[in-house]
Amino acid sequence: MRTRRNSLTSQRQLAKTLVLCSGILFVLGSIERGHKLFEQSCGFCHGPDATGARGPDLLRSPLVAHDVKGDKIGEVIRLGRPDKGMPALPLTDQQVLDIAAYLHALAAQALSSSEVPTKYPLEKLLTGNAEAGKTYFNGAGGCQGCHSPTGDLAAIATKYSPIDLQARMLYPEGKHSIAVVTLPSGEQIKGPLAHSDDFVIALRDASGWYRSFLRDQVKVELQDPLAAHRDLLGKLKPADVHNLFAYLESLK
């Protein structure tokens, strides 16, 4: 009885975490059904907890990170990946949604749970090649344009636990969009975006003042300081993720 109660409590925590982290609501029943389906249909290759076995770790998969209610996960499930030994699975739309709910819940828990750093198998995080990651950092990834191993990334691996470091690498936070408002006079006012809707744009100017403007009376440009990160996330292959992380973990 205690085991079942603990299991249900854990599943409810997963559901709550998912809402807080991704803004997508999956009901508890969907996560529970997805858990069972995953163990039956996917666990042999990806591990019962989706952290990898014969198949890759799905908790850190860019495909899962970009999936919205099964749109990308479902395509892989239905078509399979014959070149990688994954067969197509004839699952219904609801079954795909349930599996997606389970994977999103696990991924959200892995990023936010305070228990993850001690319980998550960290050796699964350190599977990449640091030299290959360094090459990607300085080459195809274009990371060196904004970051430096002797500047903002100096000793970065000593500042965060491995799982926190990887989370920050994939989903950086803390930088607000910058709004540039051009007045009819030509004067430009620039600062962190404070509010935006179809009618009003507001920012904090260089002096810290909150200033708002009617959109139809000014020209507005929004600059996303994390745009390069968001673009790169869509291009990263699993090997790139592992290699980049291994390189960052070497910066001590």
C-alpha atoms as a PDB file:
ATOM      1  CA  MET A   1       0.000   0.000   0.000  1.00  0.00           C
ATOM      2  CA  ARG A   2       2.820   2.390   0.912  1.00  0.00           C
ATOM      3  CA  THR A   3       4.608   1.656  -2.379  1.00  0.00           C
ATOM      4  CA  ARG A   4       1.489   2.409  -4.424  1.00  0.00           C
ATOM      5  CA  ARG A   5       0.846   5.606  -2.425  1.00  0.00           C
ATOM      6  CA  ASN A   6       4.421   6.772  -3.009  1.00  0.00           C
ATOM      7  CA  SER A   7       4.118   5.960  -6.708  1.00  0.00           C
ATOM      8  CA  LEU A   8       0.908   7.981  -7.045  1.00  0.00           C
ATOM      9  CA  THR A   9       2.451  10.882  -5.134  1.00  0.00           C
ATOM     10  CA  SER A  10       5.446  10.818  -7.458  1.00  0.00           C
ATOM     11  CA  GLN A  11       3.205  10.832 -10.538  1.00  0.00           C
ATOM     12  CA  ARG A  12       1.219  13.795  -9.198  1.00  0.00           C
ATOM     13  CA  GLN A  13       4.468  15.660  -8.607  1.00  0.00           C
ATOM     14  CA  LEU A  14       5.464  14.895 -12.187  1.00  0.00           C
ATOM     15  CA  ALA A  15       2.211  16.360 -13.484  1.00  0.00           C
ATOM     16  CA  LYS A  16       2.628  19.500 -11.366  1.00  0.00           C
ATOM     17  CA  THR A  17       6.223  19.952 -12.501  1.00  0.00           C
ATOM     18  CA  LEU A  18       5.204  19.662 -16.140  1.00  0.00           C
ATOM     19  CA  VAL A  19       2.693  22.480 -15.883  1.00  0.00           C
ATOM     20  CA  LEU A  20       5.174  24.770 -14.152  1.00  0.00           C
ATOM     21  CA  CYS A  21       8.056  24.059 -16.509  1.00  0.00           C
ATOM     22  CA  SER A  22       6.502  23.816 -19.935  1.00  0.00           C
ATOM     23  CA  GLY A  23       3.097  25.412 -19.656  1.00  0.00           C
ATOM     24  CA  ILE A  24       1.471  22.329 -21.194  1.00  0.00           C
ATOM     25  CA  LEU A  25      -1.112  20.465 -19.149  1.00  0.00           C
ATOM     26  CA  PHE A  26      -1.203  16.682 -19.332  1.00  0.00           C
ATOM     27  CA  VAL A  27      -3.671  14.991 -16.988  1.00  0.00           C
ATOM     28  CA  LEU A  28      -2.308  12.498 -14.487  1.00  0.00           C
ATOM     29  CA  GLY A  29      -4.047   9.571 -16.196  1.00  0.00           C
ATOM     30  CA  SER A  30      -2.267  10.304 -19.462  1.00  0.00           C
ATOM     31  CA  ILE A  31       1.137  10.269 -17.758  1.00  0.00           C
ATOM     32  CA  GLU A  32       0.367   6.992 -15.991  1.00  0.00           C
ATOM     33  CA  ARG A  33      -0.855   5.342 -19.200  1.00  0.00           C
ATOM     34  CA  GLY A  34       2.200   6.682 -21.027  1.00  0.00           C
ATOM     35  CA  HIS A  35       4.476   5.213 -18.360  1.00  0.00           C
ATOM     36  CA  LYS A  36       3.004   1.746 -18.875  1.00  0.00           C
ATOM     37  CA  LEU A  37       3.063   2.023 -22.670  1.00  0.00           C
ATOM     38  CA  PHE A  38       6.646   3.253 -22.652  1.00  0.00           C
ATOM     39  CA  GLU A  39       7.840   0.375 -20.493  1.00  0.00           C
ATOM     40  CA  GLN A  40       6.064  -2.129 -22.757  1.00  0.00           C
ATOM     41  CA  SER A  41       6.963  -0.675 -26.160  1.00  0.00           C
ATOM     42  CA  CYS A  42      10.073   1.473 -25.685  1.00  0.00           C
ATOM     43  CA  GLY A  43      11.774   0.573 -22.422  1.00  0.00           C
ATOM     44  CA  PHE A  44      13.796  -2.320 -23.825  1.00  0.00           C
ATOM     45  CA  CYS A  45      15.881   0.051 -25.960  1.00  0.00           C
ATOM     46  CA  HIS A  46      15.567   3.377 -24.142  1.00  0.00           C
ATOM     47  CA  GLY A  47      15.505   2.059 -20.575  1.00  0.00           C
ATOM     48  CA  PRO A  48      12.420   1.960 -18.328  1.00  0.00           C
ATOM     49  CA  ASP A  49      13.145   5.516 -17.138  1.00  0.00           C
ATOM     50  CA  ALA A  50      14.047   6.805 -20.634  1.00  0.00           C
ATOM     51  CA  THR A  51      17.664   7.512 -19.650  1.00  0.00           C
ATOM     52  CA  GLY A  52      19.001   5.209 -22.361  1.00  0.00           C
ATOM     53  CA  ALA A  53      20.079   1.603 -22.909  1.00  0.00           C
ATOM     54  CA  ARG A  54      20.524   0.242 -26.431  1.00  0.00           C
ATOM     55  CA  GLY A  55      18.749   3.366 -27.631  1.00  0.00           C
ATOM     56  CA  PRO A  56      19.597   6.979 -26.736  1.00  0.00           C
ATOM     57  CA  ASP A  57      18.739   8.893 -23.566  1.00  0.00           C
ATOM     58  CA  LEU A  58      15.415  10.627 -24.267  1.00  0.00           C
ATOM     59  CA  LEU A  59      15.471  12.983 -21.277  1.00  0.00           C
ATOM     60  CA  ARG A  60      18.071  15.125 -23.055  1.00  0.00           C
ATOM     61  CA  SER A  61      16.775  14.597 -26.586  1.00  0.00           C
ATOM     62  CA  PRO A  62      16.304  17.795 -28.646  1.00  0.00           C
ATOM     63  CA  LEU A  63      13.364  16.045 -30.322  1.00  0.00           C
ATOM     64  CA  VAL A  64      11.565  15.678 -26.981  1.00  0.00           C
ATOM     65  CA  ALA A  65      12.484  19.255 -26.048  1.00  0.00           C
ATOM     66  CA  HIS A  66      10.858  20.573 -29.257  1.00  0.00           C
ATOM     67  CA  ASP A  67       7.858  18.253 -29.191  1.00  0.00           C
ATOM     68  CA  VAL A  68       4.407  19.747 -28.568  1.00  0.00           C
ATOM     69  CA  LYS A  69       1.843  17.166 -27.473  1.00  0.00           C
ATOM     70  CA  GLY A  70       3.334  14.388 -29.548  1.00  0.00           C
ATOM     71  CA  ASP A  71       3.765  16.161 -32.889  1.00  0.00           C
ATOM     72  CA  LYS A  72       7.439  15.181 -33.238  1.00  0.00           C
ATOM     73  CA  ILE A  73       7.506  12.138 -30.958  1.00  0.00           C
ATOM     74  CA  GLY A  74       4.523  10.705 -32.828  1.00  0.00           C
ATOM     75  CA  GLU A  75       6.250  10.952 -36.196  1.00  0.00           C
ATOM     76  CA  VAL A  76       9.216   8.931 -34.943  1.00  0.00           C
ATOM     77  CA  ILE A  77       6.969   6.366 -33.269  1.00  0.00           C
ATOM     78  CA  ARG A  78       4.806   5.840 -36.361  1.00  0.00           C
ATOM     79  CA  LEU A  79       7.596   5.839 -38.951  1.00  0.00           C
ATOM     80  CA  GLY A  80      10.388   4.395 -36.822  1.00  0.00           C
ATOM     81  CA  ARG A  81      14.048   4.888 -37.643  1.00  0.00           C
ATOM     82  CA  PRO A  82      15.012   1.795 -39.630  1.00  0.00           C
ATOM     83  CA  ASP A  83      18.549   3.104 -40.191  1.00  0.00           C
ATOM     84  CA  LYS A  84      19.065   3.041 -36.415  1.00  0.00           C
ATOM     85  CA  GLY A  85      17.250  -0.210 -35.755  1.00  0.00           C
ATOM     86  CA  MET A  86      14.023   1.325 -34.439  1.00  0.00           C
ATOM     87  CA  PRO A  87      10.852  -0.287 -35.853  1.00  0.00           C
ATOM     88  CA  ALA A  88       7.639   1.591 -36.556  1.00  0.00           C
ATOM     89  CA  LEU A  89       5.001   1.148 -33.851  1.00  0.00           C
ATOM     90  CA  PRO A  90       1.283   1.039 -34.772  1.00  0.00           C
ATOM     91  CA  LEU A  91       0.029   3.158 -31.872  1.00  0.00           C
ATOM     92  CA  THR A  92      -3.138   5.268 -31.776  1.00  0.00           C
ATOM     93  CA  ASP A  93      -3.094   9.057 -31.502  1.00  0.00           C
ATOM     94  CA  GLN A  94      -4.076   8.814 -27.828  1.00  0.00           C
ATOM     95  CA  GLN A  95      -1.305   6.323 -27.093  1.00  0.00           C
ATOM     96  CA  VAL A  96       1.243   8.627 -28.738  1.00  0.00           C
ATOM     97  CA  LEU A  97      -0.071  11.535 -26.664  1.00  0.00           C
ATOM     98  CA  ASP A  98       0.214   9.441 -23.492  1.00  0.00           C
ATOM     99  CA  ILE A  99       3.834   8.494 -24.225  1.00  0.00           C
ATOM    100  CA  ALA A 100       4.623  12.133 -25.013  1.00  0.00           C
ATOM    101  CA  ALA A 101       3.030  13.177 -21.704  1.00  0.00           C
ATOM    102  CA  TYR A 102       5.218  10.693 -19.810  1.00  0.00           C
ATOM    103  CA  LEU A 103       8.422  11.804 -21.542  1.00  0.00           C
ATOM    104  CA  HIS A 104       7.682  15.499 -21.019  1.00  0.00           C
ATOM    105  CA  ALA A 105       6.945  14.862 -17.357  1.00  0.00           C
ATOM    106  CA  LEU A 106      10.228  12.989 -16.893  1.00  0.00           C
ATOM    107  CA  ALA A 107      12.190  15.675 -18.745  1.00  0.00           C
ATOM    108  CA  ALA A 108      10.591  18.452 -16.689  1.00  0.00           C
ATOM    109  CA  GLN A 109      11.351  16.600 -13.460  1.00  0.00           C
ATOM    110  CA  ALA A 110      14.950  16.047 -14.536  1.00  0.00           C
ATOM    111  CA  LEU A 111      15.407  19.788 -15.072  1.00  0.00           C
ATOM    112  CA  SER A 112      13.663  21.027 -11.945  1.00  0.00           C
ATOM    113  CA  SER A 113      13.736  18.382  -9.235  1.00  0.00           C
ATOM    114  CA  SER A 114      16.157  18.999  -6.404  1.00  0.00           C
ATOM    115  CA  GLU A 115      16.624  15.227  -6.134  1.00  0.00           C
ATOM    116  CA  VAL A 116      18.009  14.812  -9.642  1.00  0.00           C
ATOM    117  CA  PRO A 117      21.659  15.789  -9.003  1.00  0.00           C
ATOM    118  CA  THR A 118      22.106  12.966  -6.480  1.00  0.00           C
ATOM    119  CA  LYS A 119      19.975  10.297  -8.098  1.00  0.00           C
ATOM    120  CA  TYR A 120      20.383  10.854 -11.836  1.00  0.00           C
ATOM    121  CA  PRO A 121      23.151   8.638 -13.251  1.00  0.00           C
ATOM    122  CA  LEU A 122      25.695  11.343 -14.021  1.00  0.00           C
ATOM    123  CA  GLU A 123      27.849   9.014 -16.091  1.00  0.00           C
ATOM    124  CA  LYS A 124      25.052   9.200 -18.656  1.00  0.00           C
ATOM    125  CA  LEU A 125      25.656  12.948 -18.946  1.00  0.00           C
ATOM    126  CA  LEU A 126      29.377  12.579 -19.584  1.00  0.00           C
ATOM    127  CA  THR A 127      29.240  10.494 -22.754  1.00  0.00           C
ATOM    128  CA  GLY A 128      30.525  13.070 -25.234  1.00  0.00           C
ATOM    129  CA  ASN A 129      33.966  13.942 -26.495  1.00  0.00           C
ATOM    130  CA  ALA A 130      35.343  17.179 -25.068  1.00  0.00           C
ATOM    131  CA  GLU A 131      37.701  17.809 -27.999  1.00  0.00           C
ATOM    132  CA  ALA A 132      34.872  17.331 -30.498  1.00  0.00           C
ATOM    133  CA  GLY A 133      32.786  19.697 -28.382  1.00  0.00           C
ATOM    134  CA  LYS A 134      35.553  22.295 -28.436  1.00  0.00           C
ATOM    135  CA  THR A 135      35.754  22.015 -32.221  1.00  0.00           C
ATOM    136  CA  TYR A 136      31.985  22.497 -32.507  1.00  0.00           C
ATOM    137  CA  PHE A 137      32.119  25.411 -30.042  1.00  0.00           C
ATOM    138  CA  ASN A 138      34.755  27.216 -32.116  1.00  0.00           C
ATOM    139  CA  GLY A 139      33.405  26.124 -35.492  1.00  0.00           C
ATOM    140  CA  ALA A 140      29.972  25.032 -36.676  1.00  0.00           C
ATOM    141  CA  GLY A 141      28.221  25.980 -33.432  1.00  0.00           C
ATOM    142  CA  GLY A 142      29.390  29.583 -33.607  1.00  0.00           C
ATOM    143  CA  CYS A 143      29.503  29.723 -29.800  1.00  0.00           C
ATOM    144  CA  GLN A 144      32.788  31.627 -29.694  1.00  0.00           C
ATOM    145  CA  GLY A 145      31.043  34.669 -31.156  1.00  0.00           C
ATOM    146  CA  CYS A 146      29.379  35.368 -27.801  1.00  0.00           C
ATOM    147  CA  HIS A 147      31.202  33.174 -25.279  1.00  0.00           C
ATOM    148  CA  SER A 148      34.785  32.589 -24.192  1.00  0.00           C
ATOM    149  CA  PRO A 149      36.322  29.760 -22.119  1.00  0.00           C
ATOM    150  CA  THR A 150      38.559  32.379 -20.488  1.00  0.00           C
ATOM    151  CA  GLY A 151      35.780  34.941 -20.083  1.00  0.00           C
ATOM    152  CA  ASP A 152      32.141  34.276 -19.199  1.00  0.00           C
ATOM    153  CA  LEU A 153      32.668  30.498 -19.255  1.00  0.00           C
ATOM    154  CA  ALA A 154      35.880  30.456 -17.198  1.00  0.00           C
ATOM    155  CA  ALA A 155      35.643  27.633 -14.621  1.00  0.00           C
ATOM    156  CA  ILE A 156      31.942  27.244 -15.492  1.00  0.00           C
ATOM    157  CA  ALA A 157      31.991  23.555 -14.509  1.00  0.00           C
ATOM    158  CA  THR A 158      32.864  24.482 -10.913  1.00  0.00           C
ATOM    159  CA  LYS A 159      29.862  26.790 -10.584  1.00  0.00           C
ATOM    160  CA  TYR A 160      27.061  24.335 -11.418  1.00  0.00           C
ATOM    161  CA  SER A 161      26.312  20.674 -10.952  1.00  0.00           C
ATOM    162  CA  PRO A 162      26.589  18.686 -14.201  1.00  0.00           C
ATOM    163  CA  ILE A 163      22.829  18.468 -14.723  1.00  0.00           C
ATOM    164  CA  ASP A 164      22.337  22.182 -13.974  1.00  0.00           C
ATOM    165  CA  LEU A 165      25.144  23.052 -16.357  1.00  0.00           C
ATOM    166  CA  GLN A 166      23.541  21.061 -19.149  1.00  0.00           C
ATOM    167  CA  ALA A 167      20.141  22.607 -18.444  1.00  0.00           C
ATOM    168  CA  ARG A 168      21.660  26.091 -18.677  1.00  0.00           C
ATOM    169  CA  MET A 169      23.453  25.141 -21.878  1.00  0.00           C
ATOM    170  CA  LEU A 170      20.242  23.991 -23.559  1.00  0.00           C
ATOM    171  CA  TYR A 171      17.773  26.407 -21.968  1.00  0.00           C
ATOM    172  CA  PRO A 172      19.589  29.599 -20.912  1.00  0.00           C
ATOM    173  CA  GLU A 173      17.606  32.050 -18.795  1.00  0.00           C
ATOM    174  CA  GLY A 174      17.932  35.464 -17.257  1.00  0.00           C
ATOM    175  CA  LYS A 175      18.198  37.670 -20.342  1.00  0.00           C
ATOM    176  CA  HIS A 176      15.174  39.743 -21.328  1.00  0.00           C
ATOM    177  CA  SER A 177      14.279  40.818 -24.839  1.00  0.00           C
ATOM    178  CA  ILE A 178      15.435  44.326 -25.679  1.00  0.00           C
ATOM    179  CA  ALA A 179      12.944  46.794 -27.119  1.00  0.00           C
ATOM    180  CA  VAL A 180      14.082  49.607 -29.401  1.00  0.00           C
ATOM    181  CA  VAL A 181      11.384  52.255 -29.823  1.00  0.00           C
ATOM    182  CA  THR A 182      11.789  54.938 -32.480  1.00  0.00           C
ATOM    183  CA  LEU A 183       9.668  58.047 -31.905  1.00  0.00           C
ATOM    184  CA  PRO A 184       8.221  60.130 -34.773  1.00  0.00           C
ATOM    185  CA  SER A 185      11.003  62.647 -34.077  1.00  0.00           C
ATOM    186  CA  GLY A 186      13.609  59.991 -34.813  1.00  0.00           C
ATOM    187  CA  GLU A 187      14.703  59.669 -31.191  1.00  0.00           C
ATOM    188  CA  GLN A 188      15.389  56.071 -30.144  1.00  0.00           C
ATOM    189  CA  ILE A 189      14.716  54.673 -26.689  1.00  0.00           C
ATOM    190  CA  LYS A 190      16.176  51.287 -25.847  1.00  0.00           C
ATOM    191  CA  GLY A 191      15.829  49.002 -22.846  1.00  0.00           C
ATOM    192  CA  PRO A 192      14.611  45.655 -21.469  1.00  0.00           C
ATOM    193  CA  LEU A 193      11.099  44.821 -22.640  1.00  0.00           C
ATOM    194  CA  ALA A 194       8.581  45.277 -19.801  1.00  0.00           C
ATOM    195  CA  HIS A 195       5.273  44.746 -21.618  1.00  0.00           C
ATOM    196  CA  SER A 196       4.028  44.054 -25.111  1.00  0.00           C
ATOM    197  CA  ASP A 197       0.603  43.537 -26.658  1.00  0.00           C
ATOM    198  CA  ASP A 198      -1.176  44.522 -29.860  1.00  0.00           C
ATOM    199  CA  PHE A 199      -1.614  48.114 -28.700  1.00  0.00           C
ATOM    200  CA  VAL A 200       1.114  49.025 -26.206  1.00  0.00           C
ATOM    201  CA  ILE A 201       4.858  48.482 -25.915  1.00  0.00           C
ATOM    202  CA  ALA A 202       6.699  49.252 -22.663  1.00  0.00           C
ATOM    203  CA  LEU A 203      10.332  49.157 -21.571  1.00  0.00           C
ATOM    204  CA  ARG A 204      12.745  50.248 -18.870  1.00  0.00           C
ATOM    205  CA  ASP A 205      14.995  52.970 -20.210  1.00  0.00           C
ATOM    206  CA  ALA A 206      18.651  53.534 -19.372  1.00  0.00           C
ATOM    207  CA  SER A 207      17.673  55.458 -16.227  1.00  0.00           C
ATOM    208  CA  GLY A 208      15.395  52.685 -15.017  1.00  0.00           C
ATOM    209  CA  TRP A 209      12.166  54.517 -15.787  1.00  0.00           C
ATOM    210  CA  TYR A 210       9.138  52.540 -17.002  1.00  0.00           C
ATOM    211  CA  ARG A 211       8.033  53.993 -20.316  1.00  0.00           C
ATOM    212  CA  SER A 212       5.116  52.902 -22.482  1.00  0.00           C
ATOM    213  CA  PHE A 213       4.093  53.833 -26.017  1.00  0.00           C
ATOM    214  CA  LEU A 214       1.159  53.239 -28.335  1.00  0.00           C
ATOM    215  CA  ARG A 215       2.342  50.846 -31.011  1.00  0.00           C
ATOM    216  CA  ASP A 216       0.608  52.693 -33.841  1.00  0.00           C
ATOM    217  CA  GLN A 217       2.557  55.873 -33.022  1.00  0.00           C
ATOM    218  CA  VAL A 218       6.091  54.474 -32.895  1.00  0.00           C
ATOM    219  CA  LYS A 219       8.343  52.025 -34.687  1.00  0.00           C
ATOM    220  CA  VAL A 220       9.245  48.977 -32.609  1.00  0.00           C
ATOM    221  CA  GLU A 221      12.138  46.552 -32.915  1.00  0.00           C
ATOM    222  CA  LEU A 222      12.513  43.636 -30.524  1.00  0.00           C
ATOM    223  CA  GLN A 223      15.952  42.121 -30.046  1.00  0.00           C
ATOM    224  CA  ASP A 224      16.190  38.653 -28.528  1.00  0.00           C
ATOM    225  CA  PRO A 225      19.611  38.202 -26.848  1.00  0.00           C
ATOM    226  CA  LEU A 226      19.024  34.435 -26.806  1.00  0.00           C
ATOM    227  CA  ALA A 227      17.986  34.162 -30.451  1.00  0.00           C
ATOM    228  CA  ALA A 228      21.233  32.424 -31.391  1.00  0.00           C
ATOM    229  CA  HIS A 229      20.663  29.845 -28.647  1.00  0.00           C
ATOM    230  CA  ARG A 230      17.106  29.169 -29.790  1.00  0.00           C
ATOM    231  CA  ASP A 231      18.215  28.787 -33.407  1.00  0.00           C
ATOM    232  CA  LEU A 232      21.049  26.461 -32.423  1.00  0.00           C
ATOM    233  CA  LEU A 233      18.761  24.268 -30.320  1.00  0.00           C
ATOM    234  CA  GLY A 234      16.801  23.354 -33.421  1.00  0.00           C
ATOM    235  CA  LYS A 235      19.975  22.323 -35.253  1.00  0.00           C
ATOM    236  CA  LEU A 236      21.772  20.403 -32.510  1.00  0.00           C
ATOM    237  CA  LYS A 237      22.167  16.684 -33.039  1.00  0.00           C
ATOM    238  CA  PRO A 238      22.358  14.414 -29.974  1.00  0.00           C
ATOM    239  CA  ALA A 239      26.101  13.964 -30.528  1.00  0.00           C
ATOM    240  CA  ASP A 240      26.561  17.750 -30.581  1.00  0.00           C
ATOM    241  CA  VAL A 241      24.718  18.073 -27.258  1.00  0.00           C
ATOM    242  CA  HIS A 242      26.878  15.408 -25.612  1.00  0.00           C
ATOM    243  CA  ASN A 243      30.128  16.798 -27.034  1.00  0.00           C
ATOM    244  CA  LEU A 244      29.365  20.416 -26.141  1.00  0.00           C
ATOM    245  CA  PHE A 245      28.447  19.419 -22.626  1.00  0.00           C
ATOM    246  CA  ALA A 246      31.635  17.363 -22.253  1.00  0.00           C
ATOM    247  CA  TYR A 247      33.648  20.407 -23.342  1.00  0.00           C
ATOM    248  CA  LEU A 248      31.874  22.736 -20.879  1.00  0.00           C
ATOM    249  CA  GLU A 249      32.341  20.171 -18.114  1.00  0.00           C
ATOM    250  CA  SER A 250      36.083  20.272 -18.808  1.00  0.00           C
ATOM    251  CA  LEU A 251      36.239  24.025 -18.073  1.00  0.00           C
ATOM    252  CA  LYS A 252      37.306  23.877 -14.401  1.00  0.00           C
END
